[in-house]
Amino acid sequence: MVSRTNFARLALIALTLLVAGQSFAQDELRKTFFRDADAAKAAAEAAQASLLAPRAWERGMSEYKDAELALERGRNIEFVRDNASDAARYFREAEEKARLAQTKFAQVLKSRQAAANAEAPKRSPELWQNAQRKFGDAIRYLERGDLKGASRREIEATGLYRDAELVAIKDQYLAETRRLL
């Protein structure tokens, strides 16, 4: 009976060590393969790539998730490395496009922020949604390289954001006046 208990303990210890060893190895592989992808992802996030370069960002996230899933499932190392490398490439592209969009769309971004600060999404939701659509269109045109189309949508979006901001500000002040009356 004692030897059976000792055998069970040894088996449990061996299994624990095996799992810990695999986990450590997987962590080391992740650090190695995802180093560039993690750095590129962080840089793209800092540049607001999910907003300003959504296509490249989504491609990067798709490759990144595929690489993580492949690593978890113990797939071929080359497959994991290729996916992580592709993710890094897409994240760098997204960052580059987002930086360009920040420069190109500086005015519309200011108008968007001012409208958001005036609570336009809540106080003027229809105008806000129209502005968001036009801004999204401008971003898509810029991602495709159509600067003329992007500029046209940018101007429309800026006007809509300003209108939404004005309606929101009026609503704020007039709501208080209406309440007092």
N, C-alpha and C. Protein backbone atom coordinates (compact mmCIF):
# COMPACT_ATOMS: atom_id res chain seq x y z
N MET A 1 0.81 -1.19 0.00
CA MET A 1 0.00 0.00 0.00
C MET A 1 0.87 1.26 0.00
N VAL A 2 1.94 1.21 0.76
CA VAL A 2 2.83 2.36 0.85
C VAL A 2 3.50 2.62 -0.49
N SER A 3 3.90 1.57 -1.18
CA SER A 3 4.57 1.76 -2.47
C SER A 3 3.61 2.32 -3.51
N ARG A 4 2.34 1.94 -3.44
CA ARG A 4 1.35 2.46 -4.36
C ARG A 4 1.15 3.97 -4.14
N THR A 5 1.11 4.41 -2.89
CA THR A 5 0.97 5.81 -2.55
C THR A 5 2.19 6.59 -3.02
N ASN A 6 3.39 6.02 -2.79
CA ASN A 6 4.62 6.67 -3.25
C ASN A 6 4.66 6.77 -4.77
N PHE A 7 4.19 5.72 -5.44
CA PHE A 7 4.17 5.73 -6.90
C PHE A 7 3.22 6.82 -7.41
N ALA A 8 2.06 6.94 -6.78
CA ALA A 8 1.09 7.97 -7.17
C ALA A 8 1.67 9.36 -6.95
N ARG A 9 2.38 9.54 -5.85
CA ARG A 9 3.01 10.85 -5.57
C ARG A 9 4.08 11.15 -6.62
N LEU A 10 4.90 10.17 -6.93
CA LEU A 10 5.95 10.36 -7.92
C LEU A 10 5.35 10.68 -9.29
N ALA A 11 4.28 9.98 -9.64
CA ALA A 11 3.63 10.23 -10.92
C ALA A 11 3.06 11.65 -10.97
N LEU A 12 2.45 12.07 -9.87
CA LEU A 12 1.90 13.42 -9.79
C LEU A 12 3.00 14.48 -9.89
N ILE A 13 4.11 14.25 -9.20
CA ILE A 13 5.24 15.17 -9.25
C ILE A 13 5.81 15.23 -10.67
N ALA A 14 5.96 14.07 -11.30
CA ALA A 14 6.49 14.02 -12.67
C ALA A 14 5.58 14.76 -13.64
N LEU A 15 4.29 14.55 -13.49
CA LEU A 15 3.32 15.24 -14.36
C LEU A 15 3.38 16.75 -14.15
N THR A 16 3.49 17.18 -12.91
CA THR A 16 3.59 18.61 -12.59
C THR A 16 4.85 19.21 -13.21
N LEU A 17 5.96 18.51 -13.08
CA LEU A 17 7.22 18.99 -13.66
C LEU A 17 7.14 19.05 -15.18
N LEU A 18 6.50 18.06 -15.78
CA LEU A 18 6.35 18.03 -17.23
C LEU A 18 5.53 19.22 -17.71
N VAL A 19 4.42 19.48 -17.06
CA VAL A 19 3.56 20.60 -17.43
C VAL A 19 4.29 21.93 -17.22
N ALA A 20 5.01 22.05 -16.10
CA ALA A 20 5.76 23.28 -15.83
C ALA A 20 6.85 23.48 -16.88
N GLY A 21 7.50 22.41 -17.27
CA GLY A 21 8.56 22.50 -18.29
C GLY A 21 8.00 22.92 -19.63
N GLN A 22 6.85 22.37 -20.00
CA GLN A 22 6.23 22.75 -21.27
C GLN A 22 5.79 24.21 -21.24
N SER A 23 5.24 24.63 -20.13
CA SER A 23 4.80 26.01 -19.99
C SER A 23 5.98 26.96 -20.11
N PHE A 24 7.09 26.62 -19.47
CA PHE A 24 8.29 27.45 -19.54
C PHE A 24 8.80 27.52 -20.97
N ALA A 25 8.83 26.37 -21.65
CA ALA A 25 9.30 26.34 -23.03
C ALA A 25 8.39 27.17 -23.93
N GLN A 26 7.09 27.07 -23.70
CA GLN A 26 6.15 27.83 -24.51
C GLN A 26 6.32 29.33 -24.26
N ASP A 27 6.55 29.72 -23.02
CA ASP A 27 6.79 31.13 -22.70
C ASP A 27 8.04 31.65 -23.39
N GLU A 28 9.08 30.83 -23.41
CA GLU A 28 10.32 31.24 -24.07
C GLU A 28 10.12 31.38 -25.58
N LEU A 29 9.38 30.43 -26.17
CA LEU A 29 9.08 30.53 -27.60
C LEU A 29 8.28 31.79 -27.90
N ARG A 30 7.31 32.08 -27.04
CA ARG A 30 6.48 33.27 -27.24
C ARG A 30 7.33 34.52 -27.19
N LYS A 31 8.22 34.60 -26.20
CA LYS A 31 9.09 35.78 -26.09
C LYS A 31 9.94 35.94 -27.33
N THR A 32 10.43 34.82 -27.85
CA THR A 32 11.30 34.86 -29.03
C THR A 32 10.54 35.28 -30.28
N PHE A 33 9.42 34.62 -30.55
CA PHE A 33 8.70 34.84 -31.81
C PHE A 33 7.86 36.11 -31.81
N PHE A 34 7.39 36.54 -30.66
CA PHE A 34 6.47 37.66 -30.60
C PHE A 34 7.13 38.98 -30.22
N ARG A 35 8.45 38.98 -30.03
CA ARG A 35 9.14 40.20 -29.61
C ARG A 35 8.87 41.34 -30.59
N ASP A 36 9.13 41.11 -31.87
CA ASP A 36 8.92 42.16 -32.88
C ASP A 36 7.44 42.52 -33.03
N ALA A 37 6.60 41.49 -33.01
CA ALA A 37 5.16 41.72 -33.18
C ALA A 37 4.61 42.53 -32.01
N ASP A 38 5.05 42.22 -30.78
CA ASP A 38 4.57 42.96 -29.61
C ASP A 38 5.01 44.42 -29.67
N ALA A 39 6.26 44.64 -30.07
CA ALA A 39 6.77 46.01 -30.18
C ALA A 39 6.02 46.79 -31.26
N ALA A 40 5.80 46.15 -32.41
CA ALA A 40 5.09 46.82 -33.50
C ALA A 40 3.64 47.08 -33.11
N LYS A 41 3.03 46.15 -32.40
CA LYS A 41 1.64 46.31 -31.95
C LYS A 41 1.53 47.49 -30.98
N ALA A 42 2.47 47.60 -30.05
CA ALA A 42 2.46 48.70 -29.08
C ALA A 42 2.62 50.04 -29.80
N ALA A 43 3.50 50.10 -30.78
CA ALA A 43 3.71 51.34 -31.53
C ALA A 43 2.46 51.70 -32.33
N ALA A 44 1.80 50.70 -32.91
CA ALA A 44 0.58 50.95 -33.67
C ALA A 44 -0.55 51.41 -32.75
N GLU A 45 -0.64 50.83 -31.57
CA GLU A 45 -1.66 51.27 -30.61
C GLU A 45 -1.42 52.71 -30.20
N ALA A 46 -0.16 53.07 -29.98
CA ALA A 46 0.18 54.45 -29.60
C ALA A 46 -0.20 55.44 -30.70
N ALA A 47 -0.15 54.99 -31.95
CA ALA A 47 -0.49 55.85 -33.08
C ALA A 47 -1.98 55.81 -33.40
N GLN A 48 -2.77 55.14 -32.58
CA GLN A 48 -4.21 54.99 -32.78
C GLN A 48 -4.54 54.31 -34.11
N ALA A 49 -3.79 53.27 -34.42
CA ALA A 49 -3.96 52.59 -35.70
C ALA A 49 -5.31 51.92 -35.84
N SER A 50 -5.90 51.48 -34.74
CA SER A 50 -7.21 50.83 -34.85
C SER A 50 -8.26 51.80 -35.39
N LEU A 51 -8.10 53.09 -35.12
CA LEU A 51 -9.02 54.11 -35.63
C LEU A 51 -8.57 54.65 -36.98
N LEU A 52 -7.27 54.92 -37.12
CA LEU A 52 -6.77 55.65 -38.28
C LEU A 52 -6.25 54.77 -39.41
N ALA A 53 -6.07 53.48 -39.17
CA ALA A 53 -5.63 52.54 -40.21
C ALA A 53 -6.27 51.18 -39.93
N PRO A 54 -7.60 51.12 -39.96
CA PRO A 54 -8.29 49.91 -39.50
C PRO A 54 -8.01 48.65 -40.32
N ARG A 55 -7.82 48.77 -41.62
CA ARG A 55 -7.59 47.56 -42.43
C ARG A 55 -6.27 46.90 -42.06
N ALA A 56 -5.21 47.67 -42.03
CA ALA A 56 -3.90 47.11 -41.69
C ALA A 56 -3.90 46.61 -40.24
N TRP A 57 -4.56 47.35 -39.36
CA TRP A 57 -4.64 46.94 -37.95
C TRP A 57 -5.34 45.59 -37.82
N GLU A 58 -6.48 45.44 -38.50
CA GLU A 58 -7.23 44.18 -38.44
C GLU A 58 -6.43 43.02 -39.00
N ARG A 59 -5.71 43.26 -40.09
CA ARG A 59 -4.86 42.19 -40.65
C ARG A 59 -3.79 41.78 -39.65
N GLY A 60 -3.19 42.77 -39.02
CA GLY A 60 -2.17 42.48 -38.01
C GLY A 60 -2.74 41.70 -36.84
N MET A 61 -3.92 42.11 -36.36
CA MET A 61 -4.54 41.40 -35.24
C MET A 61 -4.91 39.98 -35.63
N SER A 62 -5.37 39.78 -36.84
CA SER A 62 -5.73 38.44 -37.31
C SER A 62 -4.50 37.53 -37.32
N GLU A 63 -3.40 38.02 -37.88
CA GLU A 63 -2.17 37.22 -37.92
C GLU A 63 -1.63 36.97 -36.51
N TYR A 64 -1.73 37.97 -35.66
CA TYR A 64 -1.26 37.86 -34.27
C TYR A 64 -2.05 36.79 -33.53
N LYS A 65 -3.37 36.83 -33.66
CA LYS A 65 -4.21 35.84 -32.98
C LYS A 65 -3.96 34.44 -33.54
N ASP A 66 -3.77 34.34 -34.86
CA ASP A 66 -3.46 33.04 -35.46
C ASP A 66 -2.15 32.49 -34.91
N ALA A 67 -1.16 33.35 -34.76
CA ALA A 67 0.13 32.91 -34.22
C ALA A 67 0.00 32.46 -32.77
N GLU A 68 -0.77 33.20 -31.98
CA GLU A 68 -0.98 32.82 -30.57
C GLU A 68 -1.69 31.48 -30.48
N LEU A 69 -2.72 31.32 -31.29
CA LEU A 69 -3.49 30.07 -31.27
C LEU A 69 -2.62 28.89 -31.72
N ALA A 70 -1.82 29.10 -32.73
CA ALA A 70 -0.94 28.05 -33.22
C ALA A 70 0.09 27.66 -32.15
N LEU A 71 0.60 28.63 -31.44
CA LEU A 71 1.57 28.36 -30.37
C LEU A 71 0.91 27.58 -29.24
N GLU A 72 -0.30 27.99 -28.86
CA GLU A 72 -1.03 27.29 -27.81
C GLU A 72 -1.29 25.84 -28.18
N ARG A 73 -1.61 25.61 -29.43
CA ARG A 73 -1.94 24.25 -29.88
C ARG A 73 -0.72 23.42 -30.25
N GLY A 74 0.45 24.02 -30.15
CA GLY A 74 1.68 23.29 -30.44
C GLY A 74 1.91 23.02 -31.91
N ARG A 75 1.46 23.92 -32.75
CA ARG A 75 1.63 23.73 -34.19
C ARG A 75 3.08 23.94 -34.58
N ASN A 76 3.34 23.77 -35.84
CA ASN A 76 4.69 23.90 -36.40
C ASN A 76 5.28 25.26 -36.04
N ILE A 77 6.51 25.25 -35.60
CA ILE A 77 7.20 26.47 -35.17
C ILE A 77 7.32 27.47 -36.33
N GLU A 78 7.55 26.98 -37.53
CA GLU A 78 7.67 27.87 -38.69
C GLU A 78 6.36 28.60 -38.96
N PHE A 79 5.26 27.90 -38.75
CA PHE A 79 3.94 28.53 -38.93
C PHE A 79 3.75 29.66 -37.93
N VAL A 80 4.12 29.41 -36.69
CA VAL A 80 4.00 30.44 -35.64
C VAL A 80 4.90 31.62 -35.98
N ARG A 81 6.13 31.33 -36.35
CA ARG A 81 7.09 32.39 -36.68
C ARG A 81 6.60 33.23 -37.86
N ASP A 82 6.07 32.58 -38.89
CA ASP A 82 5.59 33.30 -40.07
C ASP A 82 4.40 34.20 -39.71
N ASN A 83 3.47 33.67 -38.94
CA ASN A 83 2.31 34.48 -38.54
C ASN A 83 2.73 35.66 -37.68
N ALA A 84 3.63 35.45 -36.75
CA ALA A 84 4.10 36.54 -35.89
C ALA A 84 4.83 37.59 -36.73
N SER A 85 5.61 37.14 -37.70
CA SER A 85 6.33 38.06 -38.58
C SER A 85 5.36 38.87 -39.44
N ASP A 86 4.34 38.20 -39.96
CA ASP A 86 3.32 38.90 -40.75
C ASP A 86 2.57 39.92 -39.89
N ALA A 87 2.27 39.52 -38.67
CA ALA A 87 1.58 40.44 -37.75
C ALA A 87 2.43 41.69 -37.52
N ALA A 88 3.71 41.51 -37.29
CA ALA A 88 4.60 42.66 -37.08
C ALA A 88 4.63 43.56 -38.31
N ARG A 89 4.67 42.95 -39.48
CA ARG A 89 4.69 43.73 -40.73
C ARG A 89 3.40 44.55 -40.88
N TYR A 90 2.26 43.93 -40.62
CA TYR A 90 0.98 44.65 -40.72
C TYR A 90 0.87 45.75 -39.65
N PHE A 91 1.36 45.48 -38.46
CA PHE A 91 1.32 46.50 -37.41
C PHE A 91 2.20 47.69 -37.77
N ARG A 92 3.38 47.43 -38.36
CA ARG A 92 4.24 48.53 -38.79
C ARG A 92 3.56 49.34 -39.91
N GLU A 93 2.90 48.64 -40.82
CA GLU A 93 2.16 49.32 -41.88
C GLU A 93 1.03 50.16 -41.29
N ALA A 94 0.32 49.60 -40.32
CA ALA A 94 -0.77 50.32 -39.68
C ALA A 94 -0.26 51.56 -38.97
N GLU A 95 0.88 51.43 -38.29
CA GLU A 95 1.46 52.60 -37.61
C GLU A 95 1.82 53.69 -38.61
N GLU A 96 2.44 53.29 -39.71
CA GLU A 96 2.85 54.25 -40.73
C GLU A 96 1.63 54.97 -41.32
N LYS A 97 0.58 54.21 -41.63
CA LYS A 97 -0.63 54.81 -42.18
C LYS A 97 -1.33 55.68 -41.14
N ALA A 98 -1.29 55.28 -39.90
CA ALA A 98 -1.93 56.07 -38.83
C ALA A 98 -1.18 57.39 -38.65
N ARG A 99 0.14 57.36 -38.72
CA ARG A 99 0.92 58.61 -38.60
C ARG A 99 0.57 59.56 -39.76
N LEU A 100 0.45 59.00 -40.95
CA LEU A 100 0.06 59.81 -42.11
C LEU A 100 -1.33 60.40 -41.88
N ALA A 101 -2.25 59.58 -41.39
CA ALA A 101 -3.62 60.04 -41.15
C ALA A 101 -3.66 61.12 -40.07
N GLN A 102 -2.82 60.99 -39.05
CA GLN A 102 -2.78 62.02 -38.01
C GLN A 102 -2.38 63.37 -38.60
N THR A 103 -1.46 63.34 -39.52
CA THR A 103 -1.02 64.58 -40.17
C THR A 103 -2.09 65.09 -41.13
N LYS A 104 -2.57 64.19 -41.97
CA LYS A 104 -3.56 64.56 -43.00
C LYS A 104 -4.89 65.01 -42.38
N PHE A 105 -5.31 64.33 -41.31
CA PHE A 105 -6.61 64.59 -40.73
C PHE A 105 -6.53 65.37 -39.41
N ALA A 106 -5.52 66.20 -39.26
CA ALA A 106 -5.36 66.94 -38.01
C ALA A 106 -6.59 67.79 -37.69
N GLN A 107 -7.14 68.46 -38.70
CA GLN A 107 -8.28 69.34 -38.47
C GLN A 107 -9.53 68.55 -38.08
N VAL A 108 -9.80 67.48 -38.79
CA VAL A 108 -11.00 66.69 -38.49
C VAL A 108 -10.86 66.00 -37.13
N LEU A 109 -9.65 65.62 -36.76
CA LEU A 109 -9.44 65.02 -35.45
C LEU A 109 -9.70 66.03 -34.33
N LYS A 110 -9.29 67.29 -34.56
CA LYS A 110 -9.59 68.34 -33.58
C LYS A 110 -11.09 68.56 -33.45
N SER A 111 -11.77 68.62 -34.59
CA SER A 111 -13.22 68.82 -34.58
C SER A 111 -13.92 67.64 -33.92
N ARG A 112 -13.43 66.46 -34.18
CA ARG A 112 -14.01 65.24 -33.59
C ARG A 112 -13.86 65.27 -32.07
N GLN A 113 -12.67 65.64 -31.61
CA GLN A 113 -12.44 65.70 -30.16
C GLN A 113 -13.29 66.79 -29.51
N ALA A 114 -13.40 67.92 -30.16
CA ALA A 114 -14.23 69.01 -29.61
C ALA A 114 -15.70 68.58 -29.52
N ALA A 115 -16.17 67.89 -30.54
CA ALA A 115 -17.56 67.39 -30.52
C ALA A 115 -17.74 66.35 -29.42
N ALA A 116 -16.76 65.49 -29.26
CA ALA A 116 -16.84 64.48 -28.20
C ALA A 116 -16.84 65.14 -26.83
N ASN A 117 -16.02 66.18 -26.65
CA ASN A 117 -15.97 66.90 -25.38
C ASN A 117 -17.30 67.59 -25.07
N ALA A 118 -18.01 68.00 -26.12
CA ALA A 118 -19.31 68.65 -25.94
C ALA A 118 -20.44 67.61 -25.79
N GLU A 119 -20.07 66.35 -25.69
CA GLU A 119 -21.02 65.24 -25.53
C GLU A 119 -21.93 65.08 -26.74
N ALA A 120 -21.40 65.32 -27.93
CA ALA A 120 -22.18 65.19 -29.16
C ALA A 120 -22.70 63.77 -29.39
N PRO A 121 -21.95 62.73 -29.04
CA PRO A 121 -22.51 61.38 -29.26
C PRO A 121 -23.82 61.17 -28.50
N LYS A 122 -23.95 61.81 -27.36
CA LYS A 122 -25.16 61.66 -26.54
C LYS A 122 -26.22 62.70 -26.91
N ARG A 123 -25.79 63.93 -27.14
CA ARG A 123 -26.74 65.03 -27.33
C ARG A 123 -27.14 65.25 -28.80
N SER A 124 -26.32 64.76 -29.71
CA SER A 124 -26.62 64.90 -31.14
C SER A 124 -26.20 63.61 -31.87
N PRO A 125 -26.83 62.50 -31.53
CA PRO A 125 -26.36 61.20 -32.04
C PRO A 125 -26.44 61.04 -33.55
N GLU A 126 -27.44 61.62 -34.18
CA GLU A 126 -27.59 61.45 -35.63
C GLU A 126 -26.45 62.17 -36.38
N LEU A 127 -26.21 63.42 -36.01
CA LEU A 127 -25.10 64.15 -36.64
C LEU A 127 -23.76 63.48 -36.35
N TRP A 128 -23.58 63.02 -35.11
CA TRP A 128 -22.35 62.34 -34.72
C TRP A 128 -22.13 61.09 -35.58
N GLN A 129 -23.16 60.29 -35.77
CA GLN A 129 -23.04 59.07 -36.56
C GLN A 129 -22.72 59.39 -38.03
N ASN A 130 -23.36 60.43 -38.56
CA ASN A 130 -23.05 60.83 -39.94
C ASN A 130 -21.60 61.27 -40.06
N ALA A 131 -21.14 62.03 -39.09
CA ALA A 131 -19.74 62.49 -39.10
C ALA A 131 -18.80 61.29 -38.99
N GLN A 132 -19.13 60.36 -38.12
CA GLN A 132 -18.30 59.16 -37.95
C GLN A 132 -18.22 58.37 -39.27
N ARG A 133 -19.36 58.26 -39.97
CA ARG A 133 -19.37 57.55 -41.25
C ARG A 133 -18.47 58.24 -42.27
N LYS A 134 -18.61 59.57 -42.36
CA LYS A 134 -17.78 60.31 -43.32
C LYS A 134 -16.30 60.21 -42.96
N PHE A 135 -16.00 60.27 -41.68
CA PHE A 135 -14.61 60.15 -41.24
C PHE A 135 -14.09 58.75 -41.57
N GLY A 136 -14.89 57.73 -41.33
CA GLY A 136 -14.50 56.37 -41.70
C GLY A 136 -14.26 56.23 -43.19
N ASP A 137 -15.11 56.87 -43.98
CA ASP A 137 -14.92 56.86 -45.43
C ASP A 137 -13.59 57.53 -45.81
N ALA A 138 -13.32 58.67 -45.17
CA ALA A 138 -12.07 59.38 -45.45
C ALA A 138 -10.86 58.51 -45.13
N ILE A 139 -10.93 57.80 -44.02
CA ILE A 139 -9.83 56.91 -43.63
C ILE A 139 -9.66 55.79 -44.65
N ARG A 140 -10.76 55.20 -45.09
CA ARG A 140 -10.68 54.12 -46.07
C ARG A 140 -10.07 54.62 -47.39
N TYR A 141 -10.48 55.81 -47.81
CA TYR A 141 -9.91 56.37 -49.04
C TYR A 141 -8.41 56.61 -48.87
N LEU A 142 -8.02 57.12 -47.72
CA LEU A 142 -6.60 57.37 -47.48
C LEU A 142 -5.81 56.06 -47.46
N GLU A 143 -6.37 55.03 -46.85
CA GLU A 143 -5.69 53.73 -46.82
C GLU A 143 -5.49 53.17 -48.23
N ARG A 144 -6.43 53.46 -49.10
CA ARG A 144 -6.31 52.98 -50.48
C ARG A 144 -5.39 53.87 -51.31
N GLY A 145 -5.03 55.04 -50.78
CA GLY A 145 -4.14 55.94 -51.51
C GLY A 145 -4.86 57.00 -52.31
N ASP A 146 -6.17 57.13 -52.16
CA ASP A 146 -6.96 58.13 -52.89
C ASP A 146 -7.03 59.40 -52.05
N LEU A 147 -6.05 60.28 -52.23
CA LEU A 147 -5.98 61.50 -51.42
C LEU A 147 -7.11 62.48 -51.74
N LYS A 148 -7.52 62.54 -53.00
CA LYS A 148 -8.60 63.44 -53.38
C LYS A 148 -9.92 63.02 -52.71
N GLY A 149 -10.23 61.75 -52.78
CA GLY A 149 -11.45 61.24 -52.13
C GLY A 149 -11.38 61.40 -50.63
N ALA A 150 -10.20 61.18 -50.05
CA ALA A 150 -10.03 61.33 -48.60
C ALA A 150 -10.24 62.78 -48.19
N SER A 151 -9.70 63.70 -48.97
CA SER A 151 -9.84 65.13 -48.64
C SER A 151 -11.30 65.57 -48.70
N ARG A 152 -12.01 65.09 -49.70
CA ARG A 152 -13.42 65.46 -49.84
C ARG A 152 -14.22 64.97 -48.62
N ARG A 153 -14.00 63.72 -48.21
CA ARG A 153 -14.72 63.16 -47.05
C ARG A 153 -14.27 63.82 -45.75
N GLU A 154 -13.01 64.21 -45.69
CA GLU A 154 -12.50 64.90 -44.50
C GLU A 154 -13.23 66.22 -44.29
N ILE A 155 -13.39 66.97 -45.35
CA ILE A 155 -14.08 68.27 -45.27
C ILE A 155 -15.52 68.07 -44.80
N GLU A 156 -16.19 67.08 -45.38
CA GLU A 156 -17.58 66.80 -45.00
C GLU A 156 -17.65 66.38 -43.53
N ALA A 157 -16.73 65.52 -43.11
CA ALA A 157 -16.73 65.03 -41.72
C ALA A 157 -16.46 66.18 -40.76
N THR A 158 -15.53 67.06 -41.09
CA THR A 158 -15.22 68.20 -40.23
C THR A 158 -16.46 69.07 -40.04
N GLY A 159 -17.17 69.35 -41.11
CA GLY A 159 -18.38 70.15 -41.01
C GLY A 159 -19.44 69.47 -40.15
N LEU A 160 -19.60 68.18 -40.33
CA LEU A 160 -20.59 67.44 -39.55
C LEU A 160 -20.22 67.40 -38.07
N TYR A 161 -18.93 67.22 -37.77
CA TYR A 161 -18.50 67.23 -36.36
C TYR A 161 -18.75 68.60 -35.73
N ARG A 162 -18.47 69.65 -36.48
CA ARG A 162 -18.72 71.00 -35.95
C ARG A 162 -20.21 71.24 -35.72
N ASP A 163 -21.03 70.77 -36.66
CA ASP A 163 -22.49 70.89 -36.49
C ASP A 163 -22.95 70.12 -35.25
N ALA A 164 -22.42 68.91 -35.09
CA ALA A 164 -22.79 68.08 -33.93
C ALA A 164 -22.36 68.75 -32.63
N GLU A 165 -21.18 69.36 -32.65
CA GLU A 165 -20.69 70.07 -31.47
C GLU A 165 -21.61 71.25 -31.14
N LEU A 166 -21.98 72.01 -32.15
CA LEU A 166 -22.85 73.17 -31.94
C LEU A 166 -24.21 72.74 -31.39
N VAL A 167 -24.79 71.71 -31.96
CA VAL A 167 -26.08 71.21 -31.48
C VAL A 167 -25.96 70.73 -30.04
N ALA A 168 -24.87 70.06 -29.73
CA ALA A 168 -24.67 69.56 -28.36
C ALA A 168 -24.51 70.71 -27.36
N ILE A 169 -23.76 71.73 -27.75
CA ILE A 169 -23.57 72.88 -26.86
C ILE A 169 -24.90 73.60 -26.64
N LYS A 170 -25.65 73.81 -27.72
CA LYS A 170 -26.96 74.45 -27.59
C LYS A 170 -27.86 73.62 -26.68
N ASP A 171 -27.83 72.32 -26.86
CA ASP A 171 -28.67 71.44 -26.05
C ASP A 171 -28.30 71.54 -24.58
N GLN A 172 -26.99 71.61 -24.30
CA GLN A 172 -26.55 71.73 -22.91
C GLN A 172 -27.11 72.98 -22.25
N TYR A 173 -26.92 74.11 -22.92
CA TYR A 173 -27.33 75.38 -22.33
C TYR A 173 -28.84 75.60 -22.37
N LEU A 174 -29.46 75.19 -23.45
CA LEU A 174 -30.90 75.38 -23.56
C LEU A 174 -31.67 74.42 -22.67
N ALA A 175 -31.12 73.26 -22.43
CA ALA A 175 -31.79 72.30 -21.54
C ALA A 175 -31.89 72.89 -20.14
N GLU A 176 -30.83 73.54 -19.69
CA GLU A 176 -30.85 74.18 -18.38
C GLU A 176 -31.86 75.32 -18.36
N THR A 177 -31.89 76.11 -19.43
CA THR A 177 -32.85 77.21 -19.52
C THR A 177 -34.29 76.69 -19.52
N ARG A 178 -34.53 75.64 -20.32
CA ARG A 178 -35.86 75.04 -20.37
C ARG A 178 -36.28 74.52 -18.99
N ARG A 179 -35.36 73.94 -18.30
CA ARG A 179 -35.65 73.40 -16.97
C ARG A 179 -36.02 74.54 -16.02
N LEU A 180 -35.30 75.66 -16.12
CA LEU A 180 -35.58 76.79 -15.24
C LEU A 180 -36.91 77.45 -15.59
N LEU A 181 -37.27 77.46 -16.87
CA LEU A 181 -38.55 78.06 -17.27
C LEU A 181 -39.69 77.17 -16.82
